[in-house]
Amino acid sequence: MNITEATNKIEEKGFLDLDIDVHIDLFAEIERLKKEKNAIVLAHYYQEPDIQDVADYLGDSLGLAQKAQSTNADMIVFAGVHFMAETAKILNPTKKVVLPDLKAGCSLADSAPAAAFKAFKDQHPDHIVISYINCTADIKALSDIICTSGNAEAILNSLPKDQQIIFAPDKNLGGFLNKKTGRNMLLWNGACMVHEIFSLEKITKLKIRHPKAKIIAHPECEEPVLRLADFIGSTTQLLKFSKTDSANEFIVVTETGILHQMQKESPYKTFIPAPPQNSCACNDCPYMKLNTLEKLYLCMEYEKPEIFMEEELRLAAKKPIDRMLDISRAAGLIG
């Protein structure tokens, strides 16, 4: 199969019908392609371990956005979900941005359809909109400031206390921030299916079996689960806490991908994934896990699937992201 035939097949069906030689060293091939194409691989902590290990930069949404803004690479290979690759394209209109699997979406982003959100926003003209970065470019374009779980509190603290705010799309993160900052933000009714599936009863039983374990949780979790937590933070903050805290056991209430880095950075500690409400592996994000090392290699080889965006939308979505990055720098959260 020549490259033109392969590219056409990718456009039609994705990578499903492309065969990879079983003898190929994918790690070596990916490193070769990075050099040949001046490409950078950006990966989220929720990716599978092999992708984390081959990434040039591994981080959460805030760090990935900053890295996407500052890279000198000609091609950005985004091992994450669609809104993350969109953010990289928003910040880098002249660079090629590719995503291993275009179907790698996000349940949280899907919970805020642009037309419905615009109608909601129009009902509250005296409110500014702060949107969690886990949203589509269309929602970003309707926002005044973007935030991540790592910088949301700093962004709120930069605004007057009497400023009326719509927070979207995550009601759990918004509720956590309201409680922590004393705000009364108007919350859009969206949520992440992974972080909503954790079982309060099962976590409680797990804590009884591991009384010395500390419970660490992402603020996208529901409020009853967060009440059990010894520490609440973004994925980067959870990773740092697990490394620096004196505890040797942790019950981790977020997507299981982060456990790979936790174990690498603290090999003598024990990390226990919090159980979901049922018997499936629902604390694995099915969208994040659509990306594989094979798909990563193929998308670098053929430079497909590529992220495209109309310039008007890109500029509208870039403005609140730039404001987020400016506030984060002023707060000392990023360099």
C-alpha atoms as a PDB file:
ATOM      1  CA  MET A   1       0.000   0.000   0.000  1.00  0.00           C
ATOM      2  CA  ASN A   2       1.499   3.352  -1.025  1.00  0.00           C
ATOM      3  CA  ILE A   3       1.167   6.518   1.024  1.00  0.00           C
ATOM      4  CA  THR A   4      -1.655   7.931  -1.155  1.00  0.00           C
ATOM      5  CA  GLU A   5      -3.730   4.763  -0.797  1.00  0.00           C
ATOM      6  CA  ALA A   6      -3.072   4.679   2.948  1.00  0.00           C
ATOM      7  CA  THR A   7      -4.045   8.323   3.359  1.00  0.00           C
ATOM      8  CA  ASN A   8      -7.304   7.787   1.459  1.00  0.00           C
ATOM      9  CA  LYS A   9      -8.124   4.779   3.653  1.00  0.00           C
ATOM     10  CA  ILE A  10      -7.431   6.807   6.797  1.00  0.00           C
ATOM     11  CA  GLU A  11      -9.796   9.527   5.561  1.00  0.00           C
ATOM     12  CA  GLU A  12     -12.536   6.911   5.007  1.00  0.00           C
ATOM     13  CA  LYS A  13     -12.185   4.550   7.966  1.00  0.00           C
ATOM     14  CA  GLY A  14      -9.408   5.741  10.262  1.00  0.00           C
ATOM     15  CA  PHE A  15      -6.517   3.404  10.996  1.00  0.00           C
ATOM     16  CA  LEU A  16      -8.533   0.212  11.445  1.00  0.00           C
ATOM     17  CA  ASP A  17      -7.603  -1.325   8.084  1.00  0.00           C
ATOM     18  CA  LEU A  18      -3.907  -0.442   8.153  1.00  0.00           C
ATOM     19  CA  ASP A  19      -1.582  -3.273   9.053  1.00  0.00           C
ATOM     20  CA  ILE A  20       1.597  -2.667  11.040  1.00  0.00           C
ATOM     21  CA  ASP A  21       4.570  -4.980  10.703  1.00  0.00           C
ATOM     22  CA  VAL A  22       4.700  -6.880  13.999  1.00  0.00           C
ATOM     23  CA  HIS A  23       8.489  -6.597  13.964  1.00  0.00           C
ATOM     24  CA  ILE A  24       8.486  -2.785  14.026  1.00  0.00           C
ATOM     25  CA  ASP A  25       9.906  -1.172  17.150  1.00  0.00           C
ATOM     26  CA  LEU A  26       7.215   1.452  17.642  1.00  0.00           C
ATOM     27  CA  PHE A  27       9.210   3.374  20.241  1.00  0.00           C
ATOM     28  CA  ALA A  28      12.184   3.668  17.886  1.00  0.00           C
ATOM     29  CA  GLU A  29       9.989   4.557  14.922  1.00  0.00           C
ATOM     30  CA  ILE A  30       8.202   7.295  16.848  1.00  0.00           C
ATOM     31  CA  GLU A  31      11.556   8.773  17.900  1.00  0.00           C
ATOM     32  CA  ARG A  32      12.699   8.673  14.255  1.00  0.00           C
ATOM     33  CA  LEU A  33       9.551  10.451  13.088  1.00  0.00           C
ATOM     34  CA  LYS A  34       9.920  13.127  15.764  1.00  0.00           C
ATOM     35  CA  LYS A  35      13.345  14.026  14.363  1.00  0.00           C
ATOM     36  CA  GLU A  36      12.460  13.721  10.678  1.00  0.00           C
ATOM     37  CA  LYS A  37       9.294  15.786  10.944  1.00  0.00           C
ATOM     38  CA  ASN A  38      10.288  18.154  13.773  1.00  0.00           C
ATOM     39  CA  ALA A  39       7.304  16.822  15.706  1.00  0.00           C
ATOM     40  CA  ILE A  40       6.486  16.991  19.394  1.00  0.00           C
ATOM     41  CA  VAL A  41       4.277  14.493  21.216  1.00  0.00           C
ATOM     42  CA  LEU A  42       2.142  16.054  23.945  1.00  0.00           C
ATOM     43  CA  ALA A  43       0.301  13.586  26.178  1.00  0.00           C
ATOM     44  CA  HIS A  44      -2.175  13.811  29.027  1.00  0.00           C
ATOM     45  CA  TYR A  45      -1.671  11.868  32.262  1.00  0.00           C
ATOM     46  CA  TYR A  46      -4.727   9.755  31.422  1.00  0.00           C
ATOM     47  CA  GLN A  47      -3.107   8.154  28.369  1.00  0.00           C
ATOM     48  CA  GLU A  48      -1.948   4.533  28.407  1.00  0.00           C
ATOM     49  CA  PRO A  49       1.541   3.985  29.952  1.00  0.00           C
ATOM     50  CA  ASP A  50       3.353   3.388  26.628  1.00  0.00           C
ATOM     51  CA  ILE A  51       2.163   6.731  25.276  1.00  0.00           C
ATOM     52  CA  GLN A  52       3.129   8.488  28.495  1.00  0.00           C
ATOM     53  CA  ASP A  53       6.616   7.017  28.226  1.00  0.00           C
ATOM     54  CA  VAL A  54       7.140   8.090  24.612  1.00  0.00           C
ATOM     55  CA  ALA A  55       5.783  11.639  25.089  1.00  0.00           C
ATOM     56  CA  ASP A  56       8.054  14.680  24.912  1.00  0.00           C
ATOM     57  CA  TYR A  57       5.832  16.449  27.405  1.00  0.00           C
ATOM     58  CA  LEU A  58       3.371  14.906  29.825  1.00  0.00           C
ATOM     59  CA  GLY A  59       0.958  17.043  31.797  1.00  0.00           C
ATOM     60  CA  ASP A  60      -2.508  18.191  32.717  1.00  0.00           C
ATOM     61  CA  SER A  61      -4.646  20.649  30.764  1.00  0.00           C
ATOM     62  CA  LEU A  62      -2.863  23.777  32.031  1.00  0.00           C
ATOM     63  CA  GLY A  63       0.642  22.493  31.354  1.00  0.00           C
ATOM     64  CA  LEU A  64      -0.351  21.102  27.962  1.00  0.00           C
ATOM     65  CA  ALA A  65      -1.908  24.414  26.915  1.00  0.00           C
ATOM     66  CA  GLN A  66       1.248  26.280  27.914  1.00  0.00           C
ATOM     67  CA  LYS A  67       3.494  23.790  26.103  1.00  0.00           C
ATOM     68  CA  ALA A  68       1.334  23.937  22.992  1.00  0.00           C
ATOM     69  CA  GLN A  69       1.686  27.725  23.007  1.00  0.00           C
ATOM     70  CA  SER A  70       5.483  27.715  23.343  1.00  0.00           C
ATOM     71  CA  THR A  71       6.605  24.815  21.133  1.00  0.00           C
ATOM     72  CA  ASN A  72       8.846  25.335  18.109  1.00  0.00           C
ATOM     73  CA  ALA A  73       7.819  22.046  16.509  1.00  0.00           C
ATOM     74  CA  ASP A  74       6.318  21.992  13.024  1.00  0.00           C
ATOM     75  CA  MET A  75       3.850  19.245  13.943  1.00  0.00           C
ATOM     76  CA  ILE A  76       2.053  18.782  17.266  1.00  0.00           C
ATOM     77  CA  VAL A  77       0.958  15.220  17.924  1.00  0.00           C
ATOM     78  CA  PHE A  78      -1.645  15.433  20.670  1.00  0.00           C
ATOM     79  CA  ALA A  79      -2.178  12.225  22.616  1.00  0.00           C
ATOM     80  CA  GLY A  80      -5.297  13.233  24.466  1.00  0.00           C
ATOM     81  CA  VAL A  81      -8.871  14.021  23.533  1.00  0.00           C
ATOM     82  CA  HIS A  82     -10.339  16.224  20.838  1.00  0.00           C
ATOM     83  CA  PHE A  83     -10.770  19.455  22.816  1.00  0.00           C
ATOM     84  CA  MET A  84      -7.085  19.316  23.797  1.00  0.00           C
ATOM     85  CA  ALA A  85      -5.978  19.047  20.167  1.00  0.00           C
ATOM     86  CA  GLU A  86      -8.387  21.883  19.338  1.00  0.00           C
ATOM     87  CA  THR A  87      -6.721  24.026  22.012  1.00  0.00           C
ATOM     88  CA  ALA A  88      -3.304  23.322  20.483  1.00  0.00           C
ATOM     89  CA  LYS A  89      -4.611  24.394  17.064  1.00  0.00           C
ATOM     90  CA  ILE A  90      -6.179  27.538  18.517  1.00  0.00           C
ATOM     91  CA  LEU A  91      -2.767  28.509  19.900  1.00  0.00           C
ATOM     92  CA  ASN A  92      -0.808  27.394  16.814  1.00  0.00           C
ATOM     93  CA  PRO A  93      -2.726  28.209  13.616  1.00  0.00           C
ATOM     94  CA  THR A  94       0.290  27.727  11.330  1.00  0.00           C
ATOM     95  CA  LYS A  95       1.348  24.360  12.758  1.00  0.00           C
ATOM     96  CA  LYS A  96      -0.017  20.966  11.832  1.00  0.00           C
ATOM     97  CA  VAL A  97      -1.912  19.422  14.755  1.00  0.00           C
ATOM     98  CA  VAL A  98      -2.792  15.726  14.598  1.00  0.00           C
ATOM     99  CA  LEU A  99      -4.729  13.455  16.954  1.00  0.00           C
ATOM    100  CA  PRO A 100      -4.258   9.653  16.926  1.00  0.00           C
ATOM    101  CA  ASP A 101      -8.021   9.025  16.967  1.00  0.00           C
ATOM    102  CA  LEU A 102     -10.599  11.657  16.000  1.00  0.00           C
ATOM    103  CA  LYS A 103     -13.213   9.719  17.976  1.00  0.00           C
ATOM    104  CA  ALA A 104     -11.361  10.521  21.206  1.00  0.00           C
ATOM    105  CA  GLY A 105     -13.975  12.940  22.459  1.00  0.00           C
ATOM    106  CA  CYS A 106     -15.037  13.960  25.974  1.00  0.00           C
ATOM    107  CA  SER A 107     -18.304  13.335  27.814  1.00  0.00           C
ATOM    108  CA  LEU A 108     -17.880  16.606  29.718  1.00  0.00           C
ATOM    109  CA  ALA A 109     -17.347  18.628  26.538  1.00  0.00           C
ATOM    110  CA  ASP A 110     -20.351  16.882  24.964  1.00  0.00           C
ATOM    111  CA  SER A 111     -22.538  17.933  27.912  1.00  0.00           C
ATOM    112  CA  ALA A 112     -22.486  21.577  26.727  1.00  0.00           C
ATOM    113  CA  PRO A 113     -23.950  21.917  23.213  1.00  0.00           C
ATOM    114  CA  ALA A 114     -23.044  25.349  21.852  1.00  0.00           C
ATOM    115  CA  ALA A 115     -26.567  26.415  20.806  1.00  0.00           C
ATOM    116  CA  ALA A 116     -28.090  25.491  24.160  1.00  0.00           C
ATOM    117  CA  PHE A 117     -25.275  27.150  26.061  1.00  0.00           C
ATOM    118  CA  LYS A 118     -25.569  30.375  24.048  1.00  0.00           C
ATOM    119  CA  ALA A 119     -29.284  30.520  24.838  1.00  0.00           C
ATOM    120  CA  PHE A 120     -28.458  30.020  28.539  1.00  0.00           C
ATOM    121  CA  LYS A 121     -25.802  32.735  28.405  1.00  0.00           C
ATOM    122  CA  ASP A 122     -28.183  35.167  26.676  1.00  0.00           C
ATOM    123  CA  GLN A 123     -30.602  34.793  29.593  1.00  0.00           C
ATOM    124  CA  HIS A 124     -27.924  36.193  31.944  1.00  0.00           C
ATOM    125  CA  PRO A 125     -26.361  39.185  30.164  1.00  0.00           C
ATOM    126  CA  ASP A 126     -24.915  40.593  33.396  1.00  0.00           C
ATOM    127  CA  HIS A 127     -22.762  37.488  33.964  1.00  0.00           C
ATOM    128  CA  ILE A 128     -19.316  36.800  32.569  1.00  0.00           C
ATOM    129  CA  VAL A 129     -18.546  33.246  31.469  1.00  0.00           C
ATOM    130  CA  ILE A 130     -15.698  31.185  32.908  1.00  0.00           C
ATOM    131  CA  SER A 131     -15.424  27.867  31.120  1.00  0.00           C
ATOM    132  CA  TYR A 132     -13.381  24.870  32.155  1.00  0.00           C
ATOM    133  CA  ILE A 133     -10.896  24.000  29.413  1.00  0.00           C
ATOM    134  CA  ASN A 134     -12.687  20.645  28.970  1.00  0.00           C
ATOM    135  CA  CYS A 135     -15.067  22.130  26.414  1.00  0.00           C
ATOM    136  CA  THR A 136     -15.326  22.568  22.656  1.00  0.00           C
ATOM    137  CA  ALA A 137     -13.897  25.486  20.686  1.00  0.00           C
ATOM    138  CA  ASP A 138     -17.466  26.743  20.227  1.00  0.00           C
ATOM    139  CA  ILE A 139     -17.942  27.015  24.004  1.00  0.00           C
ATOM    140  CA  LYS A 140     -14.533  28.658  24.404  1.00  0.00           C
ATOM    141  CA  ALA A 141     -15.599  31.241  21.835  1.00  0.00           C
ATOM    142  CA  LEU A 142     -18.654  32.049  23.992  1.00  0.00           C
ATOM    143  CA  SER A 143     -16.500  32.470  27.123  1.00  0.00           C
ATOM    144  CA  ASP A 144     -14.676  35.376  28.744  1.00  0.00           C
ATOM    145  CA  ILE A 145     -12.019  33.325  30.539  1.00  0.00           C
ATOM    146  CA  ILE A 146     -10.964  29.685  30.320  1.00  0.00           C
ATOM    147  CA  CYS A 147      -9.709  27.850  33.415  1.00  0.00           C
ATOM    148  CA  THR A 148      -8.300  24.488  34.405  1.00  0.00           C
ATOM    149  CA  SER A 149      -8.701  22.640  37.684  1.00  0.00           C
ATOM    150  CA  GLY A 150      -5.183  23.794  38.540  1.00  0.00           C
ATOM    151  CA  ASN A 151      -5.733  27.536  38.061  1.00  0.00           C
ATOM    152  CA  ALA A 152      -9.482  28.030  38.555  1.00  0.00           C
ATOM    153  CA  GLU A 153      -9.161  29.356  42.105  1.00  0.00           C
ATOM    154  CA  ALA A 154      -6.491  31.880  41.092  1.00  0.00           C
ATOM    155  CA  ILE A 155      -8.672  33.066  38.227  1.00  0.00           C
ATOM    156  CA  LEU A 156     -11.667  33.531  40.523  1.00  0.00           C
ATOM    157  CA  ASN A 157      -9.515  35.390  43.048  1.00  0.00           C
ATOM    158  CA  SER A 158      -8.427  37.805  40.300  1.00  0.00           C
ATOM    159  CA  LEU A 159     -12.032  38.947  39.816  1.00  0.00           C
ATOM    160  CA  PRO A 160     -14.119  41.246  42.027  1.00  0.00           C
ATOM    161  CA  LYS A 161     -16.147  39.418  44.669  1.00  0.00           C
ATOM    162  CA  ASP A 162     -19.384  40.916  43.354  1.00  0.00           C
ATOM    163  CA  GLN A 163     -18.752  39.834  39.758  1.00  0.00           C
ATOM    164  CA  GLN A 164     -21.595  37.600  38.578  1.00  0.00           C
ATOM    165  CA  ILE A 165     -20.315  34.482  36.853  1.00  0.00           C
ATOM    166  CA  ILE A 166     -21.591  31.589  34.781  1.00  0.00           C
ATOM    167  CA  PHE A 167     -19.353  28.548  35.211  1.00  0.00           C
ATOM    168  CA  ALA A 168     -19.418  25.819  32.566  1.00  0.00           C
ATOM    169  CA  PRO A 169     -19.541  22.990  31.783  1.00  0.00           C
ATOM    170  CA  ASP A 170     -18.626  21.045  34.968  1.00  0.00           C
ATOM    171  CA  LYS A 171     -21.156  21.442  37.781  1.00  0.00           C
ATOM    172  CA  ASN A 172     -18.995  19.423  40.206  1.00  0.00           C
ATOM    173  CA  LEU A 173     -15.875  21.544  39.735  1.00  0.00           C
ATOM    174  CA  GLY A 174     -18.048  24.663  39.854  1.00  0.00           C
ATOM    175  CA  GLY A 175     -19.703  23.548  43.088  1.00  0.00           C
ATOM    176  CA  PHE A 176     -16.328  22.751  44.631  1.00  0.00           C
ATOM    177  CA  LEU A 177     -15.064  26.234  43.678  1.00  0.00           C
ATOM    178  CA  ASN A 178     -18.199  27.917  45.037  1.00  0.00           C
ATOM    179  CA  LYS A 179     -17.690  26.191  48.368  1.00  0.00           C
ATOM    180  CA  LYS A 180     -13.963  26.915  48.501  1.00  0.00           C
ATOM    181  CA  THR A 181     -14.103  30.582  47.453  1.00  0.00           C
ATOM    182  CA  GLY A 182     -17.481  31.636  48.832  1.00  0.00           C
ATOM    183  CA  ARG A 183     -18.722  32.515  45.347  1.00  0.00           C
ATOM    184  CA  ASN A 184     -22.212  31.851  44.081  1.00  0.00           C
ATOM    185  CA  MET A 185     -21.497  31.093  40.448  1.00  0.00           C
ATOM    186  CA  LEU A 186     -24.346  30.010  38.212  1.00  0.00           C
ATOM    187  CA  LEU A 187     -23.489  26.463  37.131  1.00  0.00           C
ATOM    188  CA  TRP A 188     -24.131  24.766  33.816  1.00  0.00           C
ATOM    189  CA  ASN A 189     -25.395  21.217  34.391  1.00  0.00           C
ATOM    190  CA  GLY A 190     -22.544  19.209  32.872  1.00  0.00           C
ATOM    191  CA  ALA A 191     -20.267  16.487  34.244  1.00  0.00           C
ATOM    192  CA  CYS A 192     -17.544  13.972  33.387  1.00  0.00           C
ATOM    193  CA  MET A 193     -18.901  10.430  33.249  1.00  0.00           C
ATOM    194  CA  VAL A 194     -15.666   8.986  34.664  1.00  0.00           C
ATOM    195  CA  HIS A 195     -15.604  11.218  37.740  1.00  0.00           C
ATOM    196  CA  GLU A 196     -19.331  10.791  38.386  1.00  0.00           C
ATOM    197  CA  ILE A 197     -19.133   6.997  38.488  1.00  0.00           C
ATOM    198  CA  PHE A 198     -17.107   6.626  41.695  1.00  0.00           C
ATOM    199  CA  SER A 199     -18.939   4.799  44.451  1.00  0.00           C
ATOM    200  CA  LEU A 200     -19.109   6.518  47.830  1.00  0.00           C
ATOM    201  CA  GLU A 201     -19.961   3.214  49.527  1.00  0.00           C
ATOM    202  CA  LYS A 202     -17.108   1.278  47.901  1.00  0.00           C
ATOM    203  CA  ILE A 203     -14.552   4.014  48.631  1.00  0.00           C
ATOM    204  CA  THR A 204     -15.683   4.013  52.268  1.00  0.00           C
ATOM    205  CA  LYS A 205     -15.230   0.224  52.477  1.00  0.00           C
ATOM    206  CA  LEU A 206     -11.844   0.509  50.782  1.00  0.00           C
ATOM    207  CA  LYS A 207     -10.773   3.080  53.375  1.00  0.00           C
ATOM    208  CA  ILE A 208     -11.803   0.675  56.165  1.00  0.00           C
ATOM    209  CA  ARG A 209      -9.564  -2.000  54.630  1.00  0.00           C
ATOM    210  CA  HIS A 210      -6.711   0.531  54.239  1.00  0.00           C
ATOM    211  CA  PRO A 211      -7.050   2.820  57.286  1.00  0.00           C
ATOM    212  CA  LYS A 212      -3.635   4.450  56.756  1.00  0.00           C
ATOM    213  CA  ALA A 213      -4.321   5.311  53.120  1.00  0.00           C
ATOM    214  CA  LYS A 214      -5.039   8.923  52.217  1.00  0.00           C
ATOM    215  CA  ILE A 215      -7.870   9.597  49.791  1.00  0.00           C
ATOM    216  CA  ILE A 216      -6.888  12.020  47.020  1.00  0.00           C
ATOM    217  CA  ALA A 217      -9.514  13.165  44.522  1.00  0.00           C
ATOM    218  CA  HIS A 218     -10.027  15.312  41.448  1.00  0.00           C
ATOM    219  CA  PRO A 219     -12.551  18.159  41.880  1.00  0.00           C
ATOM    220  CA  GLU A 220     -14.620  16.834  38.973  1.00  0.00           C
ATOM    221  CA  CYS A 221     -15.911  14.195  41.421  1.00  0.00           C
ATOM    222  CA  GLU A 222     -19.295  14.591  43.091  1.00  0.00           C
ATOM    223  CA  GLU A 223     -19.449  16.497  46.372  1.00  0.00           C
ATOM    224  CA  PRO A 224     -20.169  13.486  48.663  1.00  0.00           C
ATOM    225  CA  VAL A 225     -17.004  11.799  47.362  1.00  0.00           C
ATOM    226  CA  LEU A 226     -14.972  14.989  47.778  1.00  0.00           C
ATOM    227  CA  ARG A 227     -16.054  15.162  51.437  1.00  0.00           C
ATOM    228  CA  LEU A 228     -14.104  11.932  52.033  1.00  0.00           C
ATOM    229  CA  ALA A 229     -10.911  13.260  50.471  1.00  0.00           C
ATOM    230  CA  ASP A 230      -7.780  14.180  52.411  1.00  0.00           C
ATOM    231  CA  PHE A 231      -6.602  16.201  49.414  1.00  0.00           C
ATOM    232  CA  ILE A 232      -8.405  17.588  46.340  1.00  0.00           C
ATOM    233  CA  GLY A 233      -6.542  18.834  43.283  1.00  0.00           C
ATOM    234  CA  SER A 234      -5.802  18.719  39.574  1.00  0.00           C
ATOM    235  CA  THR A 235      -3.964  15.711  38.159  1.00  0.00           C
ATOM    236  CA  THR A 236      -0.631  17.522  38.507  1.00  0.00           C
ATOM    237  CA  GLN A 237      -1.461  18.554  42.067  1.00  0.00           C
ATOM    238  CA  LEU A 238      -2.494  14.987  42.942  1.00  0.00           C
ATOM    239  CA  LEU A 239       0.769  13.683  41.519  1.00  0.00           C
ATOM    240  CA  LYS A 240       2.822  16.204  43.492  1.00  0.00           C
ATOM    241  CA  PHE A 241       0.921  15.490  46.718  1.00  0.00           C
ATOM    242  CA  SER A 242       1.403  11.741  46.387  1.00  0.00           C
ATOM    243  CA  LYS A 243       5.133  12.288  45.947  1.00  0.00           C
ATOM    244  CA  THR A 244       5.717  14.757  48.783  1.00  0.00           C
ATOM    245  CA  ASP A 245       3.221  13.584  51.423  1.00  0.00           C
ATOM    246  CA  SER A 246       4.470  11.268  54.153  1.00  0.00           C
ATOM    247  CA  ALA A 247       1.722   8.678  53.595  1.00  0.00           C
ATOM    248  CA  ASN A 248       2.712   5.413  51.933  1.00  0.00           C
ATOM    249  CA  GLU A 249      -0.755   4.427  50.699  1.00  0.00           C
ATOM    250  CA  PHE A 250      -3.184   6.435  48.585  1.00  0.00           C
ATOM    251  CA  ILE A 251      -6.685   5.785  47.325  1.00  0.00           C
ATOM    252  CA  VAL A 252      -6.754   7.684  44.032  1.00  0.00           C
ATOM    253  CA  VAL A 253     -10.138   9.036  42.925  1.00  0.00           C
ATOM    254  CA  THR A 254      -9.606  10.028  39.312  1.00  0.00           C
ATOM    255  CA  GLU A 255      -8.893   8.373  35.951  1.00  0.00           C
ATOM    256  CA  THR A 256      -6.473   5.483  36.413  1.00  0.00           C
ATOM    257  CA  GLY A 257      -3.914   6.731  33.879  1.00  0.00           C
ATOM    258  CA  ILE A 258      -2.311   8.945  36.520  1.00  0.00           C
ATOM    259  CA  LEU A 259      -1.299   5.902  38.582  1.00  0.00           C
ATOM    260  CA  HIS A 260       1.483   5.110  36.093  1.00  0.00           C
ATOM    261  CA  GLN A 261       3.305   8.362  36.869  1.00  0.00           C
ATOM    262  CA  MET A 262       2.556   8.133  40.587  1.00  0.00           C
ATOM    263  CA  GLN A 263       4.138   4.692  40.719  1.00  0.00           C
ATOM    264  CA  LYS A 264       7.152   5.825  38.655  1.00  0.00           C
ATOM    265  CA  GLU A 265       7.795   8.816  40.908  1.00  0.00           C
ATOM    266  CA  SER A 266       7.096   6.961  44.177  1.00  0.00           C
ATOM    267  CA  PRO A 267       7.960   3.291  43.484  1.00  0.00           C
ATOM    268  CA  TYR A 268       7.823   2.270  47.152  1.00  0.00           C
ATOM    269  CA  LYS A 269       4.338   3.658  47.758  1.00  0.00           C
ATOM    270  CA  THR A 270       1.025   1.916  47.136  1.00  0.00           C
ATOM    271  CA  PHE A 271      -1.622   3.456  44.887  1.00  0.00           C
ATOM    272  CA  ILE A 272      -5.135   2.027  44.902  1.00  0.00           C
ATOM    273  CA  PRO A 273      -7.626   3.066  42.200  1.00  0.00           C
ATOM    274  CA  ALA A 274     -10.977   4.083  43.658  1.00  0.00           C
ATOM    275  CA  PRO A 275     -13.759   1.697  42.586  1.00  0.00           C
ATOM    276  CA  PRO A 276     -16.712   2.736  40.395  1.00  0.00           C
ATOM    277  CA  GLN A 277     -20.360   1.980  41.144  1.00  0.00           C
ATOM    278  CA  ASN A 278     -20.367  -1.166  39.032  1.00  0.00           C
ATOM    279  CA  SER A 279     -18.055  -3.976  37.999  1.00  0.00           C
ATOM    280  CA  CYS A 280     -16.727  -2.424  34.789  1.00  0.00           C
ATOM    281  CA  ALA A 281     -13.494  -0.428  34.452  1.00  0.00           C
ATOM    282  CA  CYS A 282     -15.456   2.811  34.264  1.00  0.00           C
ATOM    283  CA  ASN A 283     -12.747   4.797  36.030  1.00  0.00           C
ATOM    284  CA  ASP A 284     -10.839   4.401  32.755  1.00  0.00           C
ATOM    285  CA  CYS A 285     -11.884   7.125  30.305  1.00  0.00           C
ATOM    286  CA  PRO A 286     -12.989   5.234  27.172  1.00  0.00           C
ATOM    287  CA  TYR A 287     -12.153   8.266  25.025  1.00  0.00           C
ATOM    288  CA  MET A 288      -8.631   8.733  26.369  1.00  0.00           C
ATOM    289  CA  LYS A 289      -7.986   5.033  25.922  1.00  0.00           C
ATOM    290  CA  LEU A 290      -8.938   5.124  22.222  1.00  0.00           C
ATOM    291  CA  ASN A 291      -5.420   6.385  21.564  1.00  0.00           C
ATOM    292  CA  THR A 292      -2.845   3.607  21.293  1.00  0.00           C
ATOM    293  CA  LEU A 293       0.862   3.492  20.540  1.00  0.00           C
ATOM    294  CA  GLU A 294       0.047   1.992  17.133  1.00  0.00           C
ATOM    295  CA  LYS A 295      -2.335   4.817  16.267  1.00  0.00           C
ATOM    296  CA  LEU A 296       0.209   7.348  17.518  1.00  0.00           C
ATOM    297  CA  TYR A 297       2.839   5.920  15.166  1.00  0.00           C
ATOM    298  CA  LEU A 298       0.448   5.846  12.206  1.00  0.00           C
ATOM    299  CA  CYS A 299      -0.781   9.393  12.742  1.00  0.00           C
ATOM    300  CA  MET A 300       2.826  10.612  12.799  1.00  0.00           C
ATOM    301  CA  GLU A 301       3.727   8.567   9.705  1.00  0.00           C
ATOM    302  CA  TYR A 302       0.762   9.756   7.621  1.00  0.00           C
ATOM    303  CA  GLU A 303       0.144  13.097   9.420  1.00  0.00           C
ATOM    304  CA  LYS A 304      -3.541  12.247   9.774  1.00  0.00           C
ATOM    305  CA  PRO A 305      -6.129  12.854  11.218  1.00  0.00           C
ATOM    306  CA  GLU A 306      -5.449  16.603  11.239  1.00  0.00           C
ATOM    307  CA  ILE A 307      -7.306  19.257  13.218  1.00  0.00           C
ATOM    308  CA  PHE A 308      -8.730  22.131  11.155  1.00  0.00           C
ATOM    309  CA  MET A 309     -10.552  25.237  12.356  1.00  0.00           C
ATOM    310  CA  GLU A 310     -12.093  28.328  10.793  1.00  0.00           C
ATOM    311  CA  GLU A 311     -10.087  31.445  11.604  1.00  0.00           C
ATOM    312  CA  GLU A 312     -13.051  33.392  13.002  1.00  0.00           C
ATOM    313  CA  LEU A 313     -13.779  30.627  15.514  1.00  0.00           C
ATOM    314  CA  ARG A 314     -10.093  30.208  16.354  1.00  0.00           C
ATOM    315  CA  LEU A 315      -9.635  33.899  17.167  1.00  0.00           C
ATOM    316  CA  ALA A 316     -12.802  33.999  19.288  1.00  0.00           C
ATOM    317  CA  ALA A 317     -11.704  30.890  21.216  1.00  0.00           C
ATOM    318  CA  LYS A 318      -8.120  32.123  21.619  1.00  0.00           C
ATOM    319  CA  LYS A 319      -9.063  35.297  23.471  1.00  0.00           C
ATOM    320  CA  PRO A 320     -10.295  33.611  26.719  1.00  0.00           C
ATOM    321  CA  ILE A 321      -7.399  31.123  26.612  1.00  0.00           C
ATOM    322  CA  ASP A 322      -4.909  33.991  26.397  1.00  0.00           C
ATOM    323  CA  ARG A 323      -6.607  35.646  29.347  1.00  0.00           C
ATOM    324  CA  MET A 324      -6.290  32.403  31.335  1.00  0.00           C
ATOM    325  CA  LEU A 325      -2.586  32.125  30.549  1.00  0.00           C
ATOM    326  CA  ASP A 326      -1.981  35.776  31.462  1.00  0.00           C
ATOM    327  CA  ILE A 327      -3.713  35.391  34.841  1.00  0.00           C
ATOM    328  CA  SER A 328      -1.854  32.123  35.481  1.00  0.00           C
ATOM    329  CA  ARG A 329       1.496  33.789  34.830  1.00  0.00           C
ATOM    330  CA  ALA A 330       0.607  36.721  37.074  1.00  0.00           C
ATOM    331  CA  ALA A 331      -0.310  34.235  39.829  1.00  0.00           C
ATOM    332  CA  GLY A 332       2.998  32.402  39.390  1.00  0.00           C
ATOM    333  CA  LEU A 333       1.331  29.179  38.264  1.00  0.00           C
ATOM    334  CA  ILE A 334       3.297  28.997  35.019  1.00  0.00           C
ATOM    335  CA  GLY A 335       6.515  30.526  33.762  1.00  0.00           C
END
